Amino acid sequence: MAKLSQTRRVANHRRHRGPGISRYQVCGLNRDKELIRQVARQLAADDAAAKRLRKELTQKTVATTPSGASIVAALRRSPLVGVDWEIERPIEHGREIDL
């Protein structure tokens, strides 16, 4: 019975989905569920408002997403920058083995 219900849901979804629209799953906080759904609906409209929203979201998320340049910048801000460490490693010649 559950199999038939699931099959029907998938068929309905495929029938109502427009061209270029795909279904995907994301994980987030329960309190953000409706917000994410609203953003997805607005982006799916693919109109001028969606274009503006997409641009704003891209700018906001790219600015906060770590990249190679920001990792280098973080390392340069480290309190250890400029510290001259002389780390010596003991020289070991290994063990003698009787074969």
N, C-alpha and C. Protein backbone atom coordinates (compact mmCIF):
# COMPACT_ATOMS: atom_id res chain seq x y z
N MET A 1 0.83 -1.19 0.00
CA MET A 1 0.00 0.00 0.00
C MET A 1 0.88 1.26 0.00
N ALA A 2 1.92 1.27 0.84
CA ALA A 2 2.80 2.44 0.90
C ALA A 2 3.53 2.62 -0.42
N LYS A 3 3.85 1.52 -1.07
CA LYS A 3 4.56 1.58 -2.35
C LYS A 3 3.71 2.29 -3.40
N LEU A 4 2.42 1.98 -3.44
CA LEU A 4 1.52 2.60 -4.41
C LEU A 4 1.40 4.10 -4.13
N SER A 5 1.28 4.46 -2.85
CA SER A 5 1.17 5.87 -2.48
C SER A 5 2.43 6.64 -2.87
N GLN A 6 3.58 6.04 -2.63
CA GLN A 6 4.84 6.68 -2.99
C GLN A 6 4.96 6.81 -4.51
N THR A 7 4.59 5.80 -5.24
CA THR A 7 4.63 5.83 -6.70
C THR A 7 3.72 6.94 -7.23
N ARG A 8 2.55 7.07 -6.65
CA ARG A 8 1.61 8.11 -7.05
C ARG A 8 2.18 9.51 -6.77
N ARG A 9 2.82 9.68 -5.60
CA ARG A 9 3.41 10.97 -5.28
C ARG A 9 4.50 11.35 -6.27
N VAL A 10 5.35 10.41 -6.61
CA VAL A 10 6.43 10.66 -7.57
C VAL A 10 5.85 11.03 -8.93
N ALA A 11 4.82 10.31 -9.36
CA ALA A 11 4.19 10.58 -10.64
C ALA A 11 3.56 11.98 -10.65
N ASN A 12 2.89 12.35 -9.56
CA ASN A 12 2.30 13.69 -9.47
C ASN A 12 3.37 14.76 -9.51
N HIS A 13 4.43 14.52 -8.81
CA HIS A 13 5.53 15.51 -8.79
C HIS A 13 6.10 15.70 -10.20
N ARG A 14 6.34 14.61 -10.89
CA ARG A 14 6.91 14.70 -12.23
C ARG A 14 5.95 15.39 -13.20
N ARG A 15 4.68 15.19 -13.01
CA ARG A 15 3.68 15.79 -13.90
C ARG A 15 3.58 17.30 -13.66
N HIS A 16 3.73 17.76 -12.43
CA HIS A 16 3.58 19.18 -12.11
C HIS A 16 4.88 19.96 -12.24
N ARG A 17 5.97 19.30 -12.37
CA ARG A 17 7.26 19.99 -12.48
C ARG A 17 7.42 20.57 -13.87
N GLY A 18 7.90 21.81 -13.93
CA GLY A 18 8.09 22.47 -15.21
C GLY A 18 9.45 22.16 -15.80
N PRO A 19 9.70 22.63 -17.02
CA PRO A 19 11.00 22.40 -17.64
C PRO A 19 12.09 23.18 -16.90
N GLY A 20 13.20 22.54 -16.68
CA GLY A 20 14.32 23.17 -15.98
C GLY A 20 14.19 23.16 -14.47
N ILE A 21 13.12 22.61 -13.95
CA ILE A 21 12.90 22.55 -12.51
C ILE A 21 13.32 21.18 -12.02
N SER A 22 14.07 21.15 -10.93
CA SER A 22 14.46 19.87 -10.34
C SER A 22 14.14 19.88 -8.86
N ARG A 23 13.98 18.70 -8.32
CA ARG A 23 13.66 18.54 -6.92
C ARG A 23 14.92 18.12 -6.20
N TYR A 24 15.19 18.75 -5.05
CA TYR A 24 16.35 18.37 -4.26
C TYR A 24 16.06 18.60 -2.80
N GLN A 25 16.89 18.01 -1.98
CA GLN A 25 16.67 18.04 -0.54
C GLN A 25 17.82 18.78 0.11
N VAL A 26 17.51 19.60 1.10
CA VAL A 26 18.53 20.32 1.85
C VAL A 26 18.29 20.08 3.34
N CYS A 27 19.33 20.25 4.13
CA CYS A 27 19.22 20.13 5.57
C CYS A 27 19.35 21.51 6.18
N GLY A 28 18.56 21.79 7.17
CA GLY A 28 18.61 23.09 7.83
C GLY A 28 17.82 23.05 9.11
N LEU A 29 17.71 24.21 9.73
CA LEU A 29 16.96 24.32 10.97
C LEU A 29 15.46 24.29 10.69
N ASN A 30 14.71 23.72 11.63
CA ASN A 30 13.26 23.64 11.47
C ASN A 30 12.64 25.01 11.28
N ARG A 31 13.15 26.00 12.00
CA ARG A 31 12.56 27.34 11.93
C ARG A 31 12.78 28.00 10.57
N ASP A 32 13.72 27.51 9.77
CA ASP A 32 14.00 28.10 8.46
C ASP A 32 13.29 27.38 7.32
N LYS A 33 12.55 26.34 7.62
CA LYS A 33 11.93 25.53 6.57
C LYS A 33 11.04 26.35 5.64
N GLU A 34 10.14 27.15 6.19
CA GLU A 34 9.23 27.92 5.36
C GLU A 34 9.98 29.00 4.59
N LEU A 35 11.00 29.59 5.20
CA LEU A 35 11.81 30.60 4.51
C LEU A 35 12.50 30.00 3.28
N ILE A 36 13.07 28.81 3.45
CA ILE A 36 13.76 28.14 2.34
C ILE A 36 12.75 27.81 1.24
N ARG A 37 11.56 27.38 1.62
CA ARG A 37 10.53 27.08 0.62
C ARG A 37 10.12 28.33 -0.15
N GLN A 38 9.97 29.46 0.56
CA GLN A 38 9.60 30.71 -0.10
C GLN A 38 10.70 31.16 -1.07
N VAL A 39 11.95 31.06 -0.63
CA VAL A 39 13.07 31.44 -1.51
C VAL A 39 13.08 30.54 -2.74
N ALA A 40 12.86 29.25 -2.55
CA ALA A 40 12.84 28.32 -3.68
C ALA A 40 11.71 28.66 -4.65
N ARG A 41 10.54 29.00 -4.13
CA ARG A 41 9.42 29.38 -5.01
C ARG A 41 9.74 30.64 -5.80
N GLN A 42 10.34 31.62 -5.12
CA GLN A 42 10.68 32.87 -5.82
C GLN A 42 11.73 32.63 -6.89
N LEU A 43 12.74 31.81 -6.59
CA LEU A 43 13.76 31.52 -7.58
C LEU A 43 13.21 30.71 -8.75
N ALA A 44 12.26 29.83 -8.47
CA ALA A 44 11.67 29.00 -9.52
C ALA A 44 10.85 29.83 -10.50
N ALA A 45 10.38 31.00 -10.06
CA ALA A 45 9.61 31.87 -10.95
C ALA A 45 10.48 32.34 -12.12
N ASP A 46 11.77 32.45 -11.90
CA ASP A 46 12.76 32.81 -12.92
C ASP A 46 12.39 34.10 -13.65
N ASP A 47 11.91 35.09 -12.88
CA ASP A 47 11.59 36.40 -13.45
C ASP A 47 12.63 37.42 -12.99
N ALA A 48 12.34 38.70 -13.16
CA ALA A 48 13.29 39.75 -12.79
C ALA A 48 13.55 39.74 -11.28
N ALA A 49 12.51 39.52 -10.49
CA ALA A 49 12.68 39.47 -9.03
C ALA A 49 13.56 38.29 -8.64
N ALA A 50 13.39 37.17 -9.31
CA ALA A 50 14.21 35.99 -9.04
C ALA A 50 15.67 36.26 -9.39
N LYS A 51 15.87 36.98 -10.47
CA LYS A 51 17.23 37.31 -10.89
C LYS A 51 17.92 38.19 -9.85
N ARG A 52 17.18 39.19 -9.33
CA ARG A 52 17.74 40.06 -8.27
C ARG A 52 18.05 39.27 -7.02
N LEU A 53 17.10 38.41 -6.61
CA LEU A 53 17.28 37.59 -5.41
C LEU A 53 18.48 36.67 -5.57
N ARG A 54 18.59 36.04 -6.73
CA ARG A 54 19.71 35.14 -7.01
C ARG A 54 21.04 35.88 -6.90
N LYS A 55 21.07 37.10 -7.45
CA LYS A 55 22.30 37.90 -7.40
C LYS A 55 22.65 38.26 -5.96
N GLU A 56 21.65 38.71 -5.18
CA GLU A 56 21.89 39.07 -3.78
C GLU A 56 22.36 37.87 -2.96
N LEU A 57 21.70 36.74 -3.14
CA LEU A 57 22.08 35.54 -2.40
C LEU A 57 23.49 35.09 -2.76
N THR A 58 23.82 35.17 -4.03
CA THR A 58 25.16 34.78 -4.47
C THR A 58 26.20 35.69 -3.84
N GLN A 59 25.95 36.99 -3.84
CA GLN A 59 26.91 37.93 -3.24
C GLN A 59 27.06 37.68 -1.75
N LYS A 60 25.96 37.46 -1.06
CA LYS A 60 26.01 37.24 0.40
C LYS A 60 26.71 35.94 0.74
N THR A 61 26.40 34.87 0.02
CA THR A 61 26.97 33.58 0.38
C THR A 61 28.42 33.45 -0.06
N VAL A 62 28.79 34.03 -1.19
CA VAL A 62 30.17 33.97 -1.64
C VAL A 62 31.06 34.76 -0.70
N ALA A 63 30.55 35.88 -0.16
CA ALA A 63 31.33 36.71 0.75
C ALA A 63 31.62 35.99 2.06
N THR A 64 30.74 35.08 2.48
CA THR A 64 30.94 34.40 3.76
C THR A 64 31.50 32.99 3.60
N THR A 65 31.57 32.50 2.38
CA THR A 65 32.08 31.15 2.15
C THR A 65 33.60 31.19 2.07
N PRO A 66 34.27 30.34 2.85
CA PRO A 66 35.74 30.34 2.79
C PRO A 66 36.24 29.93 1.41
N SER A 67 37.28 30.58 0.98
CA SER A 67 37.92 30.21 -0.27
C SER A 67 39.42 30.16 -0.04
N GLY A 68 40.17 29.84 -1.06
CA GLY A 68 41.62 29.77 -0.93
C GLY A 68 42.21 31.07 -0.45
N ALA A 69 41.75 32.19 -0.98
CA ALA A 69 42.30 33.49 -0.61
C ALA A 69 42.00 33.81 0.85
N SER A 70 40.82 33.46 1.34
CA SER A 70 40.49 33.79 2.72
C SER A 70 41.26 32.91 3.70
N ILE A 71 41.61 31.71 3.30
CA ILE A 71 42.42 30.84 4.17
C ILE A 71 43.81 31.44 4.31
N VAL A 72 44.37 31.91 3.21
CA VAL A 72 45.68 32.54 3.26
C VAL A 72 45.62 33.79 4.14
N ALA A 73 44.56 34.58 3.99
CA ALA A 73 44.41 35.79 4.81
C ALA A 73 44.31 35.43 6.29
N ALA A 74 43.59 34.37 6.61
CA ALA A 74 43.46 33.95 8.01
C ALA A 74 44.81 33.50 8.56
N LEU A 75 45.58 32.79 7.77
CA LEU A 75 46.91 32.37 8.23
C LEU A 75 47.83 33.57 8.44
N ARG A 76 47.69 34.58 7.61
CA ARG A 76 48.52 35.78 7.77
C ARG A 76 48.14 36.57 9.02
N ARG A 77 46.91 36.44 9.49
CA ARG A 77 46.48 37.11 10.71
C ARG A 77 46.88 36.35 11.96
N SER A 78 47.45 35.20 11.80
CA SER A 78 47.82 34.34 12.93
C SER A 78 48.82 35.05 13.83
N PRO A 79 48.72 34.84 15.14
CA PRO A 79 49.69 35.45 16.06
C PRO A 79 51.09 34.84 15.90
N LEU A 80 51.21 33.76 15.19
CA LEU A 80 52.51 33.12 15.02
C LEU A 80 53.27 33.65 13.81
N VAL A 81 52.68 34.58 13.07
CA VAL A 81 53.36 35.16 11.91
C VAL A 81 54.58 35.93 12.40
N GLY A 82 55.72 35.66 11.79
CA GLY A 82 56.94 36.36 12.15
C GLY A 82 57.74 35.71 13.25
N VAL A 83 57.22 34.66 13.86
CA VAL A 83 57.94 33.96 14.92
C VAL A 83 58.98 33.06 14.26
N ASP A 84 60.23 33.20 14.67
CA ASP A 84 61.30 32.35 14.13
C ASP A 84 61.45 31.13 15.03
N TRP A 85 60.99 30.04 14.56
CA TRP A 85 61.12 28.80 15.31
C TRP A 85 62.27 28.01 14.75
N GLU A 86 63.06 27.49 15.63
CA GLU A 86 64.11 26.57 15.22
C GLU A 86 63.78 25.23 15.83
N ILE A 87 63.18 24.43 15.02
CA ILE A 87 62.75 23.12 15.48
C ILE A 87 63.79 22.11 15.01
N GLU A 88 64.37 21.42 15.97
CA GLU A 88 65.36 20.40 15.64
C GLU A 88 64.77 19.03 15.87
N ARG A 89 65.03 18.19 14.93
CA ARG A 89 64.55 16.83 15.02
C ARG A 89 65.74 15.94 15.31
N PRO A 90 65.59 15.04 16.28
CA PRO A 90 66.71 14.15 16.58
C PRO A 90 67.03 13.24 15.40
N ILE A 91 68.29 13.06 15.13
CA ILE A 91 68.73 12.21 14.03
C ILE A 91 68.88 10.79 14.57
N GLU A 92 68.16 9.89 13.97
CA GLU A 92 68.22 8.48 14.36
C GLU A 92 68.64 7.67 13.14
N HIS A 93 69.57 6.78 13.35
CA HIS A 93 70.07 5.99 12.24
C HIS A 93 69.38 4.62 12.15
N GLY A 94 68.40 4.41 12.95
CA GLY A 94 67.66 3.16 12.90
C GLY A 94 68.24 2.12 13.85
N ARG A 95 67.70 0.93 13.80
CA ARG A 95 68.15 -0.14 14.69
C ARG A 95 68.92 -1.17 13.88
N GLU A 96 69.78 -1.83 14.56
CA GLU A 96 70.46 -2.95 13.91
C GLU A 96 69.57 -4.17 14.01
N ILE A 97 69.48 -4.89 12.91
CA ILE A 97 68.60 -6.05 12.87
C ILE A 97 69.43 -7.29 12.54
N ASP A 98 69.25 -8.33 13.30
CA ASP A 98 69.89 -9.62 13.03
C ASP A 98 68.98 -10.43 12.13
N LEU A 99 69.51 -10.83 10.97
CA LEU A 99 68.70 -11.64 10.07
C LEU A 99 69.15 -13.07 10.08
